[in-house]
Amino acid sequence: MAQTSGMKLATLLLALIACGGKPALAPTPPAPEPAPVAAAPAPTPVEEARPVEPAKPDPEKAKADLYAAETAAYDKAKPVFDKACARCHTKTGKKMKPKTLGHVDMTTYPFGGEHAASIGNEIRVVLAIDGHKKASMPSDKPGSLTSDELSTIKAWTEAWQAAGAAGVHPAGPADKDDD
């Protein structure tokens, strides 16, 4: 019987198609209503970024770095000191006098003598590095150092002053940058 009713249905459909009719289709169920969208959560207040404080420099490392820079500058300037100053300002100098050594003694480094605490400034003055006065040293040939030699000595005095300002060695009252 299933075969007969299937045939009847097929015949009926063919007849409808042949006559230009359309077979009745099962009604399409309505589209489901979209699910309600949950409201987006309220934005949480963003905490303002706090600036990161830079690490505080280690004062002992800073002193060590400044002293290293000073001694490196001294190593470059030493040949000029040997050429222009050692004959009077070292214990083995040919023109050494106790009074001269009492003022500035360059036998060892750091220098000694009563001007040791302000030696950077003193040397700038006697060699006229800053141009404020006429050079008075070397005593036998004042003003005889070349501009390169004076630049080398000036670099050392600047390193000396920077180290002194950081407390590497005591700075005297006259050991200030006059530029």
N, C-alpha and C. Protein backbone atom coordinates (compact mmCIF):
# COMPACT_ATOMS: atom_id res chain seq x y z
N MET A 1 0.80 -1.16 0.00
CA MET A 1 0.00 0.00 0.00
C MET A 1 0.86 1.25 0.00
N ALA A 2 1.97 1.17 0.63
CA ALA A 2 2.86 2.31 0.66
C ALA A 2 3.29 2.63 -0.74
N GLN A 3 3.39 1.62 -1.56
CA GLN A 3 3.83 1.86 -2.90
C GLN A 3 2.74 2.58 -3.69
N THR A 4 1.54 2.26 -3.49
CA THR A 4 0.43 2.89 -4.21
C THR A 4 0.30 4.33 -3.78
N SER A 5 0.39 4.62 -2.52
CA SER A 5 0.21 6.01 -2.14
C SER A 5 1.40 6.82 -2.60
N GLY A 6 2.59 6.26 -2.65
CA GLY A 6 3.76 6.98 -3.15
C GLY A 6 3.60 7.26 -4.62
N MET A 7 3.00 6.33 -5.34
CA MET A 7 2.79 6.52 -6.76
C MET A 7 1.74 7.58 -7.00
N LYS A 8 0.73 7.57 -6.17
CA LYS A 8 -0.32 8.56 -6.34
C LYS A 8 0.25 9.95 -6.11
N LEU A 9 1.08 10.08 -5.15
CA LEU A 9 1.66 11.38 -4.83
C LEU A 9 2.55 11.83 -5.98
N ALA A 10 3.32 10.93 -6.55
CA ALA A 10 4.19 11.26 -7.66
C ALA A 10 3.36 11.66 -8.86
N THR A 11 2.28 10.97 -9.14
CA THR A 11 1.41 11.28 -10.26
C THR A 11 0.81 12.65 -10.06
N LEU A 12 0.36 12.93 -8.88
CA LEU A 12 -0.26 14.21 -8.57
C LEU A 12 0.74 15.35 -8.77
N LEU A 13 1.94 15.15 -8.32
CA LEU A 13 2.97 16.18 -8.47
C LEU A 13 3.28 16.41 -9.94
N LEU A 14 3.36 15.36 -10.72
CA LEU A 14 3.64 15.51 -12.15
C LEU A 14 2.50 16.25 -12.83
N ALA A 15 1.30 15.97 -12.43
CA ALA A 15 0.15 16.63 -13.03
C ALA A 15 0.17 18.10 -12.69
N LEU A 16 0.50 18.44 -11.50
CA LEU A 16 0.55 19.85 -11.10
C LEU A 16 1.66 20.58 -11.85
N ILE A 17 2.78 19.96 -12.00
CA ILE A 17 3.90 20.59 -12.69
C ILE A 17 3.53 20.77 -14.16
N ALA A 18 2.95 19.76 -14.75
CA ALA A 18 2.56 19.81 -16.16
C ALA A 18 1.55 20.91 -16.38
N CYS A 19 0.72 21.19 -15.44
CA CYS A 19 -0.31 22.22 -15.58
C CYS A 19 0.21 23.60 -15.18
N GLY A 20 1.43 23.72 -14.79
CA GLY A 20 1.98 25.01 -14.42
C GLY A 20 1.75 25.35 -12.97
N GLY A 21 1.23 24.47 -12.24
CA GLY A 21 1.00 24.75 -10.83
C GLY A 21 2.24 24.44 -10.01
N LYS A 22 2.28 24.95 -8.90
CA LYS A 22 3.42 24.71 -8.02
C LYS A 22 2.96 23.84 -6.88
N PRO A 23 3.79 22.91 -6.53
CA PRO A 23 3.39 22.09 -5.41
C PRO A 23 3.43 22.92 -4.14
N ALA A 24 2.54 22.61 -3.27
CA ALA A 24 2.49 23.33 -2.00
C ALA A 24 3.66 22.89 -1.15
N LEU A 25 4.36 23.86 -0.69
CA LEU A 25 5.52 23.54 0.15
C LEU A 25 5.12 23.71 1.60
N ALA A 26 5.79 23.01 2.41
CA ALA A 26 5.51 23.14 3.84
C ALA A 26 5.91 24.55 4.27
N PRO A 27 5.12 25.15 5.09
CA PRO A 27 5.45 26.52 5.51
C PRO A 27 6.78 26.56 6.25
N THR A 28 7.54 27.61 5.96
CA THR A 28 8.83 27.79 6.61
C THR A 28 8.58 28.39 7.98
N PRO A 29 9.17 27.77 8.96
CA PRO A 29 8.97 28.32 10.30
C PRO A 29 9.62 29.71 10.38
N PRO A 30 9.03 30.60 11.15
CA PRO A 30 9.61 31.95 11.26
C PRO A 30 11.00 31.88 11.93
N ALA A 31 11.85 32.80 11.50
CA ALA A 31 13.22 32.84 12.06
C ALA A 31 13.11 33.17 13.54
N PRO A 32 13.91 32.52 14.31
CA PRO A 32 13.84 32.79 15.75
C PRO A 32 14.29 34.22 16.04
N GLU A 33 13.71 34.78 17.05
CA GLU A 33 14.10 36.12 17.48
C GLU A 33 15.55 36.06 17.95
N PRO A 34 16.33 37.07 17.57
CA PRO A 34 17.73 37.04 18.05
C PRO A 34 17.76 37.16 19.57
N ALA A 35 18.71 36.48 20.12
CA ALA A 35 18.86 36.51 21.57
C ALA A 35 19.26 37.92 21.99
N PRO A 36 18.69 38.38 23.07
CA PRO A 36 19.07 39.73 23.49
C PRO A 36 20.56 39.78 23.82
N VAL A 37 21.20 40.86 23.36
CA VAL A 37 22.63 41.04 23.61
C VAL A 37 22.80 41.63 24.99
N ALA A 38 23.66 41.00 25.74
CA ALA A 38 23.91 41.50 27.09
C ALA A 38 24.63 42.83 26.98
N ALA A 39 24.33 43.74 27.82
CA ALA A 39 24.98 45.04 27.81
C ALA A 39 26.47 44.86 28.12
N ALA A 40 27.30 45.61 27.39
CA ALA A 40 28.74 45.52 27.62
C ALA A 40 29.04 46.00 29.03
N PRO A 41 29.96 45.35 29.67
CA PRO A 41 30.28 45.80 31.03
C PRO A 41 30.86 47.22 30.99
N ALA A 42 30.55 47.96 31.98
CA ALA A 42 31.06 49.34 32.07
C ALA A 42 32.57 49.27 32.15
N PRO A 43 33.23 50.16 31.41
CA PRO A 43 34.69 50.12 31.47
C PRO A 43 35.18 50.45 32.88
N THR A 44 36.19 49.72 33.27
CA THR A 44 36.74 49.99 34.60
C THR A 44 37.69 51.17 34.47
N PRO A 45 37.74 52.01 35.46
CA PRO A 45 38.63 53.17 35.35
C PRO A 45 40.08 52.68 35.22
N VAL A 46 40.77 53.27 34.27
CA VAL A 46 42.16 52.90 34.04
C VAL A 46 43.01 53.71 35.01
N GLU A 47 43.84 52.99 35.71
CA GLU A 47 44.72 53.67 36.65
C GLU A 47 45.79 54.39 35.84
N GLU A 48 45.98 55.66 36.14
CA GLU A 48 46.97 56.42 35.39
C GLU A 48 48.34 55.82 35.64
N ALA A 49 49.10 55.75 34.55
CA ALA A 49 50.45 55.22 34.67
C ALA A 49 51.29 56.19 35.47
N ARG A 50 51.99 55.67 36.42
CA ARG A 50 52.87 56.50 37.23
C ARG A 50 54.24 56.47 36.61
N PRO A 51 54.88 57.62 36.52
CA PRO A 51 56.22 57.61 35.94
C PRO A 51 57.16 56.79 36.82
N VAL A 52 58.00 56.05 36.15
CA VAL A 52 58.97 55.24 36.86
C VAL A 52 60.14 56.14 37.23
N GLU A 53 60.45 56.17 38.50
CA GLU A 53 61.56 56.99 38.94
C GLU A 53 62.86 56.30 38.55
N PRO A 54 63.77 57.06 37.96
CA PRO A 54 65.04 56.44 37.60
C PRO A 54 65.80 56.04 38.85
N ALA A 55 66.59 55.02 38.69
CA ALA A 55 67.38 54.55 39.83
C ALA A 55 68.33 55.67 40.26
N LYS A 56 68.46 55.83 41.54
CA LYS A 56 69.36 56.85 42.05
C LYS A 56 70.80 56.38 41.84
N PRO A 57 71.63 57.28 41.34
CA PRO A 57 73.02 56.86 41.10
C PRO A 57 73.73 56.54 42.42
N ASP A 58 74.58 55.58 42.34
CA ASP A 58 75.38 55.19 43.50
C ASP A 58 76.50 56.21 43.65
N PRO A 59 76.51 56.99 44.74
CA PRO A 59 77.52 58.04 44.88
C PRO A 59 78.95 57.50 44.89
N GLU A 60 79.14 56.33 45.44
CA GLU A 60 80.50 55.77 45.46
C GLU A 60 80.96 55.38 44.06
N LYS A 61 80.03 54.85 43.26
CA LYS A 61 80.38 54.52 41.86
C LYS A 61 80.66 55.79 41.08
N ALA A 62 79.86 56.82 41.32
CA ALA A 62 80.08 58.10 40.63
C ALA A 62 81.46 58.66 40.99
N LYS A 63 81.83 58.58 42.26
CA LYS A 63 83.16 59.05 42.67
C LYS A 63 84.26 58.24 42.00
N ALA A 64 84.07 56.93 41.98
CA ALA A 64 85.07 56.07 41.36
C ALA A 64 85.21 56.38 39.86
N ASP A 65 84.07 56.62 39.19
CA ASP A 65 84.11 56.95 37.76
C ASP A 65 84.81 58.29 37.53
N LEU A 66 84.52 59.26 38.38
CA LEU A 66 85.16 60.57 38.23
C LEU A 66 86.65 60.50 38.51
N TYR A 67 87.02 59.71 39.50
CA TYR A 67 88.46 59.56 39.79
C TYR A 67 89.16 58.84 38.64
N ALA A 68 88.49 57.85 38.05
CA ALA A 68 89.07 57.14 36.90
C ALA A 68 89.26 58.11 35.73
N ALA A 69 88.27 58.98 35.50
CA ALA A 69 88.38 59.97 34.42
C ALA A 69 89.51 60.95 34.71
N GLU A 70 89.63 61.34 35.98
CA GLU A 70 90.71 62.26 36.36
C GLU A 70 92.08 61.62 36.13
N THR A 71 92.25 60.39 36.58
CA THR A 71 93.57 59.75 36.43
C THR A 71 93.88 59.47 34.95
N ALA A 72 92.86 59.18 34.15
CA ALA A 72 93.09 58.99 32.71
C ALA A 72 93.54 60.32 32.08
N ALA A 73 92.92 61.41 32.49
CA ALA A 73 93.32 62.73 31.99
C ALA A 73 94.73 63.07 32.46
N TYR A 74 95.04 62.71 33.71
CA TYR A 74 96.40 62.95 34.22
C TYR A 74 97.43 62.14 33.42
N ASP A 75 97.11 60.88 33.12
CA ASP A 75 98.04 60.06 32.33
C ASP A 75 98.36 60.71 30.98
N LYS A 76 97.36 61.35 30.38
CA LYS A 76 97.59 62.04 29.10
C LYS A 76 98.40 63.32 29.30
N ALA A 77 98.19 63.98 30.43
CA ALA A 77 98.87 65.26 30.70
C ALA A 77 100.26 65.07 31.30
N LYS A 78 100.55 63.91 31.84
CA LYS A 78 101.83 63.70 32.54
C LYS A 78 103.05 64.05 31.69
N PRO A 79 103.10 63.68 30.41
CA PRO A 79 104.28 64.09 29.62
C PRO A 79 104.47 65.61 29.56
N VAL A 80 103.39 66.35 29.57
CA VAL A 80 103.48 67.81 29.56
C VAL A 80 103.99 68.29 30.92
N PHE A 81 103.46 67.71 32.01
CA PHE A 81 103.94 68.07 33.34
C PHE A 81 105.43 67.74 33.46
N ASP A 82 105.82 66.56 32.94
CA ASP A 82 107.24 66.18 33.01
C ASP A 82 108.11 67.17 32.24
N LYS A 83 107.65 67.60 31.09
CA LYS A 83 108.40 68.53 30.25
C LYS A 83 108.49 69.93 30.87
N ALA A 84 107.36 70.43 31.37
CA ALA A 84 107.29 71.82 31.77
C ALA A 84 107.43 72.07 33.27
N CYS A 85 107.14 71.09 34.10
CA CYS A 85 107.03 71.35 35.54
C CYS A 85 107.99 70.54 36.40
N ALA A 86 108.36 69.35 35.97
CA ALA A 86 109.09 68.41 36.82
C ALA A 86 110.45 68.93 37.28
N ARG A 87 111.12 69.72 36.48
CA ARG A 87 112.47 70.17 36.87
C ARG A 87 112.46 71.03 38.14
N CYS A 88 111.33 71.67 38.43
CA CYS A 88 111.23 72.50 39.65
C CYS A 88 110.28 71.90 40.70
N HIS A 89 109.27 71.15 40.25
CA HIS A 89 108.21 70.71 41.15
C HIS A 89 108.24 69.22 41.48
N THR A 90 109.41 68.57 41.35
CA THR A 90 109.57 67.19 41.82
C THR A 90 110.84 67.12 42.67
N LYS A 91 110.89 66.14 43.54
CA LYS A 91 112.03 65.99 44.45
C LYS A 91 113.32 65.68 43.71
N THR A 92 113.22 65.14 42.50
CA THR A 92 114.42 64.82 41.73
C THR A 92 114.71 65.86 40.64
N GLY A 93 113.92 66.92 40.60
CA GLY A 93 114.11 67.95 39.57
C GLY A 93 115.41 68.72 39.76
N LYS A 94 116.06 69.07 38.65
CA LYS A 94 117.35 69.77 38.70
C LYS A 94 117.25 71.16 39.32
N LYS A 95 116.07 71.79 39.21
CA LYS A 95 115.90 73.14 39.75
C LYS A 95 114.99 73.14 40.99
N MET A 96 114.85 71.98 41.62
CA MET A 96 113.97 71.84 42.78
C MET A 96 114.50 72.65 43.95
N LYS A 97 113.55 73.32 44.63
CA LYS A 97 113.86 74.05 45.86
C LYS A 97 112.78 73.67 46.87
N PRO A 98 113.11 73.53 48.12
CA PRO A 98 112.11 73.17 49.12
C PRO A 98 110.89 74.10 49.11
N LYS A 99 111.13 75.40 48.91
CA LYS A 99 110.02 76.35 48.88
C LYS A 99 109.07 76.04 47.70
N THR A 100 109.64 75.72 46.55
CA THR A 100 108.84 75.40 45.36
C THR A 100 108.02 74.15 45.62
N LEU A 101 108.64 73.13 46.19
CA LEU A 101 107.91 71.89 46.51
C LEU A 101 106.85 72.14 47.57
N GLY A 102 107.10 73.10 48.45
CA GLY A 102 106.10 73.44 49.46
C GLY A 102 104.83 74.00 48.83
N HIS A 103 104.98 74.66 47.71
CA HIS A 103 103.80 75.19 47.00
C HIS A 103 103.10 74.08 46.22
N VAL A 104 103.84 73.43 45.33
CA VAL A 104 103.29 72.35 44.50
C VAL A 104 104.35 71.27 44.36
N ASP A 105 104.03 70.07 44.79
CA ASP A 105 104.94 68.94 44.67
C ASP A 105 104.31 67.91 43.73
N MET A 106 104.91 67.76 42.56
CA MET A 106 104.40 66.83 41.55
C MET A 106 105.17 65.52 41.52
N THR A 107 105.87 65.22 42.62
CA THR A 107 106.65 63.98 42.69
C THR A 107 105.73 62.77 42.60
N THR A 108 104.59 62.83 43.24
CA THR A 108 103.61 61.73 43.21
C THR A 108 102.26 62.30 42.78
N TYR A 109 101.37 61.40 42.49
CA TYR A 109 100.01 61.82 42.15
C TYR A 109 99.04 61.17 43.12
N PRO A 110 98.08 61.87 43.65
CA PRO A 110 97.79 63.29 43.47
C PRO A 110 98.92 64.17 44.00
N PHE A 111 98.99 65.37 43.46
CA PHE A 111 100.05 66.30 43.82
C PHE A 111 99.95 66.70 45.28
N GLY A 112 101.05 67.14 45.80
CA GLY A 112 101.10 67.63 47.18
C GLY A 112 101.46 69.11 47.20
N GLY A 113 101.69 69.61 48.41
CA GLY A 113 102.05 71.02 48.59
C GLY A 113 100.85 71.81 49.08
N GLU A 114 101.11 73.04 49.47
CA GLU A 114 100.05 73.87 50.06
C GLU A 114 98.94 74.20 49.06
N HIS A 115 99.20 74.12 47.77
CA HIS A 115 98.18 74.42 46.76
C HIS A 115 97.51 73.14 46.21
N ALA A 116 97.77 72.02 46.82
CA ALA A 116 97.22 70.75 46.31
C ALA A 116 95.69 70.75 46.26
N ALA A 117 95.05 71.37 47.24
CA ALA A 117 93.59 71.36 47.27
C ALA A 117 92.97 72.21 46.17
N SER A 118 93.75 73.13 45.59
CA SER A 118 93.23 73.97 44.52
C SER A 118 94.11 73.91 43.28
N ILE A 119 94.80 72.80 43.14
CA ILE A 119 95.82 72.69 42.10
C ILE A 119 95.27 72.89 40.69
N GLY A 120 94.06 72.40 40.43
CA GLY A 120 93.48 72.57 39.09
C GLY A 120 93.38 74.03 38.71
N ASN A 121 92.88 74.84 39.62
CA ASN A 121 92.76 76.27 39.34
C ASN A 121 94.13 76.93 39.28
N GLU A 122 95.02 76.56 40.20
CA GLU A 122 96.35 77.17 40.23
C GLU A 122 97.09 76.96 38.91
N ILE A 123 97.02 75.75 38.39
CA ILE A 123 97.71 75.46 37.13
C ILE A 123 97.08 76.23 35.97
N ARG A 124 95.76 76.34 35.97
CA ARG A 124 95.10 77.12 34.91
C ARG A 124 95.58 78.58 34.94
N VAL A 125 95.77 79.11 36.14
CA VAL A 125 96.19 80.51 36.27
C VAL A 125 97.64 80.69 35.80
N VAL A 126 98.56 79.86 36.32
CA VAL A 126 99.98 80.07 36.00
C VAL A 126 100.30 79.76 34.54
N LEU A 127 99.49 78.93 33.89
CA LEU A 127 99.71 78.65 32.46
C LEU A 127 98.83 79.52 31.56
N ALA A 128 98.02 80.39 32.18
CA ALA A 128 97.12 81.29 31.44
C ALA A 128 96.17 80.52 30.52
N ILE A 129 95.69 79.38 30.99
CA ILE A 129 94.79 78.56 30.18
C ILE A 129 93.49 79.28 29.89
N ASP A 130 93.00 80.04 30.85
CA ASP A 130 91.73 80.75 30.65
C ASP A 130 91.91 82.12 30.02
N GLY A 131 93.15 82.52 29.80
CA GLY A 131 93.43 83.79 29.13
C GLY A 131 93.20 85.03 29.97
N HIS A 132 93.01 84.87 31.29
CA HIS A 132 92.76 86.04 32.14
C HIS A 132 94.04 86.82 32.43
N LYS A 133 95.15 86.12 32.47
CA LYS A 133 96.44 86.76 32.77
C LYS A 133 97.47 86.20 31.79
N LYS A 134 98.65 86.76 31.87
CA LYS A 134 99.77 86.28 31.08
C LYS A 134 100.38 85.07 31.82
N ALA A 135 100.83 84.07 31.07
CA ALA A 135 101.43 82.88 31.68
C ALA A 135 102.67 83.26 32.48
N SER A 136 102.81 82.61 33.66
CA SER A 136 103.99 82.84 34.49
C SER A 136 104.84 81.57 34.63
N MET A 137 104.37 80.49 34.03
CA MET A 137 105.10 79.22 34.07
C MET A 137 105.15 78.63 32.68
N PRO A 138 106.08 77.77 32.43
CA PRO A 138 107.25 77.39 33.23
C PRO A 138 108.12 78.62 33.51
N SER A 139 108.74 78.61 34.67
CA SER A 139 109.43 79.80 35.15
C SER A 139 110.53 80.27 34.20
N ASP A 140 111.21 79.33 33.53
CA ASP A 140 112.29 79.74 32.62
C ASP A 140 111.79 80.07 31.21
N LYS A 141 110.55 79.68 30.87
CA LYS A 141 109.97 79.96 29.55
C LYS A 141 108.46 80.15 29.67
N PRO A 142 108.00 81.19 30.36
CA PRO A 142 106.56 81.39 30.52
C PRO A 142 105.84 81.46 29.16
N GLY A 143 104.71 80.77 29.09
CA GLY A 143 103.91 80.79 27.88
C GLY A 143 104.44 79.94 26.74
N SER A 144 105.38 79.05 27.03
CA SER A 144 106.01 78.26 25.96
C SER A 144 105.25 76.99 25.58
N LEU A 145 104.21 76.64 26.31
CA LEU A 145 103.48 75.41 25.97
C LEU A 145 102.62 75.64 24.72
N THR A 146 102.51 74.62 23.92
CA THR A 146 101.71 74.70 22.69
C THR A 146 100.22 74.66 23.04
N SER A 147 99.40 75.00 22.08
CA SER A 147 97.95 74.97 22.33
C SER A 147 97.48 73.53 22.60
N ASP A 148 98.09 72.54 21.95
CA ASP A 148 97.73 71.14 22.23
C ASP A 148 98.11 70.75 23.65
N GLU A 149 99.30 71.18 24.09
CA GLU A 149 99.72 70.88 25.46
C GLU A 149 98.80 71.56 26.47
N LEU A 150 98.43 72.81 26.18
CA LEU A 150 97.52 73.52 27.09
C LEU A 150 96.14 72.85 27.10
N SER A 151 95.67 72.36 25.96
CA SER A 151 94.38 71.66 25.91
C SER A 151 94.41 70.39 26.74
N THR A 152 95.52 69.70 26.69
CA THR A 152 95.68 68.46 27.47
C THR A 152 95.66 68.77 28.98
N ILE A 153 96.37 69.83 29.36
CA ILE A 153 96.39 70.23 30.77
C ILE A 153 95.01 70.71 31.19
N LYS A 154 94.34 71.48 30.34
CA LYS A 154 93.00 71.97 30.65
C LYS A 154 92.03 70.81 30.87
N ALA A 155 92.11 69.78 30.02
CA ALA A 155 91.24 68.60 30.19
C ALA A 155 91.49 67.95 31.54
N TRP A 156 92.76 67.88 31.94
CA TRP A 156 93.05 67.32 33.27
C TRP A 156 92.46 68.20 34.37
N THR A 157 92.62 69.53 34.27
CA THR A 157 92.09 70.41 35.32
C THR A 157 90.57 70.27 35.43
N GLU A 158 89.90 70.12 34.31
CA GLU A 158 88.44 69.94 34.34
C GLU A 158 88.06 68.63 35.01
N ALA A 159 88.81 67.57 34.72
CA ALA A 159 88.54 66.27 35.36
C ALA A 159 88.85 66.36 36.85
N TRP A 160 89.93 67.07 37.21
CA TRP A 160 90.30 67.27 38.60
C TRP A 160 89.18 68.00 39.35
N GLN A 161 88.66 69.06 38.74
CA GLN A 161 87.62 69.85 39.38
C GLN A 161 86.32 69.05 39.53
N ALA A 162 85.96 68.28 38.51
CA ALA A 162 84.74 67.46 38.59
C ALA A 162 84.86 66.43 39.70
N ALA A 163 86.01 65.80 39.81
CA ALA A 163 86.23 64.81 40.87
C ALA A 163 86.21 65.49 42.23
N GLY A 164 86.81 66.66 42.32
CA GLY A 164 86.81 67.40 43.59
C GLY A 164 85.41 67.81 44.00
N ALA A 165 84.60 68.24 43.04
CA ALA A 165 83.23 68.64 43.35
C ALA A 165 82.40 67.46 43.86
N ALA A 166 82.75 66.26 43.44
CA ALA A 166 82.04 65.06 43.89
C ALA A 166 82.59 64.53 45.21
N GLY A 167 83.64 65.18 45.72
CA GLY A 167 84.19 64.77 47.01
C GLY A 167 85.29 63.72 46.92
N VAL A 168 85.83 63.50 45.73
CA VAL A 168 86.92 62.53 45.59
C VAL A 168 88.14 63.01 46.36
N HIS A 169 88.42 64.29 46.26
CA HIS A 169 89.49 64.91 47.04
C HIS A 169 88.97 66.27 47.46
N PRO A 170 89.49 66.79 48.53
CA PRO A 170 88.95 68.08 49.00
C PRO A 170 89.25 69.18 47.99
N ALA A 171 88.25 69.95 47.69
CA ALA A 171 88.44 71.09 46.79
C ALA A 171 88.70 72.33 47.64
N GLY A 172 89.69 73.06 47.25
CA GLY A 172 90.00 74.29 47.95
C GLY A 172 89.08 75.40 47.49
N PRO A 173 89.08 76.51 48.18
CA PRO A 173 88.18 77.60 47.85
C PRO A 173 88.44 78.17 46.45
N ALA A 174 89.66 78.08 45.97
CA ALA A 174 89.96 78.65 44.65
C ALA A 174 89.77 77.62 43.54
N ASP A 175 89.41 76.40 43.88
CA ASP A 175 89.30 75.33 42.87
C ASP A 175 87.90 75.27 42.31
N LYS A 176 87.47 76.37 41.71
CA LYS A 176 86.15 76.44 41.10
C LYS A 176 86.32 76.70 39.62
N ASP A 177 85.34 76.26 38.86
CA ASP A 177 85.40 76.47 37.42
C ASP A 177 85.18 77.95 37.13
N ASP A 178 86.15 78.59 36.52
CA ASP A 178 86.06 80.01 36.22
C ASP A 178 85.55 80.30 34.82
N ASP A 179 85.21 79.29 34.06
CA ASP A 179 84.75 79.54 32.67
C ASP A 179 83.37 80.13 32.65
